[in-house]
Amino acid sequence: MNRKNLHLVTGILTGIVFISALLDSDAGTLFGSIWLFRGAFLLISVASLLSYFKIKKSEKDVQ
């Protein structure tokens, strides 16, 4: 699996985890705050998807 696809899969999976954490009504805690957990997965998801689109754009510009 190349790096572009890895970023896409990581972004989608962490996005799903983030959404499921938002919908979880009985959320546990991580280091005292569930928002730390949610924020981390949101940050990972956004960073991975931005990396994917950046790589995709650079491949498109080369062609």
Protein backbone atom coordinates (compact mmCIF):
# COMPACT_ATOMS: atom_id res chain seq x y z
CA MET A 1 0.00 0.00 0.00
CA ASN A 2 1.53 3.28 -1.01
CA ARG A 3 1.67 6.36 1.19
CA LYS A 4 -1.22 8.16 -0.50
CA ASN A 5 -3.63 5.29 0.14
CA LEU A 6 -2.36 4.88 3.69
CA HIS A 7 -3.20 8.52 4.43
CA LEU A 8 -6.66 8.09 2.95
CA VAL A 9 -7.41 4.94 4.96
CA THR A 10 -6.05 6.49 8.16
CA GLY A 11 -8.13 9.63 7.64
CA ILE A 12 -11.32 7.68 7.05
CA LEU A 13 -10.83 5.29 9.97
CA THR A 14 -9.95 8.00 12.47
CA GLY A 15 -12.89 10.04 11.20
CA ILE A 16 -15.18 7.11 11.92
CA VAL A 17 -13.70 6.73 15.42
CA PHE A 18 -14.17 10.48 16.02
CA ILE A 19 -17.81 10.41 14.93
CA SER A 20 -18.55 7.29 16.99
CA ALA A 21 -16.94 8.95 20.03
CA LEU A 22 -19.22 11.97 19.55
CA LEU A 23 -22.30 9.76 19.35
CA ASP A 24 -21.31 7.66 22.39
CA SER A 25 -23.61 8.78 25.19
CA ASP A 26 -21.73 6.90 27.91
CA ALA A 27 -18.18 7.82 27.00
CA GLY A 28 -15.30 6.86 29.23
CA THR A 29 -12.47 9.19 30.04
CA LEU A 30 -8.94 9.43 28.79
CA PHE A 31 -6.57 11.36 31.04
CA GLY A 32 -9.55 12.99 32.72
CA SER A 33 -11.23 14.30 29.59
CA ILE A 34 -12.99 12.57 26.73
CA TRP A 35 -12.46 15.74 24.69
CA LEU A 36 -8.73 15.00 24.64
CA PHE A 37 -9.49 11.65 23.00
CA ARG A 38 -11.94 13.22 20.54
CA GLY A 39 -9.58 16.08 19.70
CA ALA A 40 -6.68 13.73 19.05
CA PHE A 41 -8.66 11.62 16.62
CA LEU A 42 -10.03 14.73 14.90
CA LEU A 43 -6.51 16.11 14.51
CA ILE A 44 -5.19 12.80 13.13
CA SER A 45 -8.11 12.54 10.72
CA VAL A 46 -7.75 16.07 9.37
CA ALA A 47 -3.96 15.80 9.07
CA SER A 48 -4.18 12.50 7.21
CA LEU A 49 -6.82 13.72 4.79
CA LEU A 50 -4.89 16.94 4.12
CA SER A 51 -1.76 14.90 3.42
CA TYR A 52 -3.73 12.69 1.05
CA PHE A 53 -5.08 15.64 -0.93
CA LYS A 54 -1.66 17.31 -0.98
CA ILE A 55 -0.03 14.17 -2.42
CA LYS A 56 -2.90 13.72 -4.90
CA LYS A 57 -2.54 17.34 -6.07
CA SER A 58 1.23 17.03 -6.49
CA GLU A 59 0.78 13.87 -8.58
CA LYS A 60 -1.78 15.66 -10.73
CA ASP A 61 0.55 18.64 -11.26
CA VAL A 62 3.41 16.38 -12.40
CA GLN A 63 1.33 14.74 -15.12
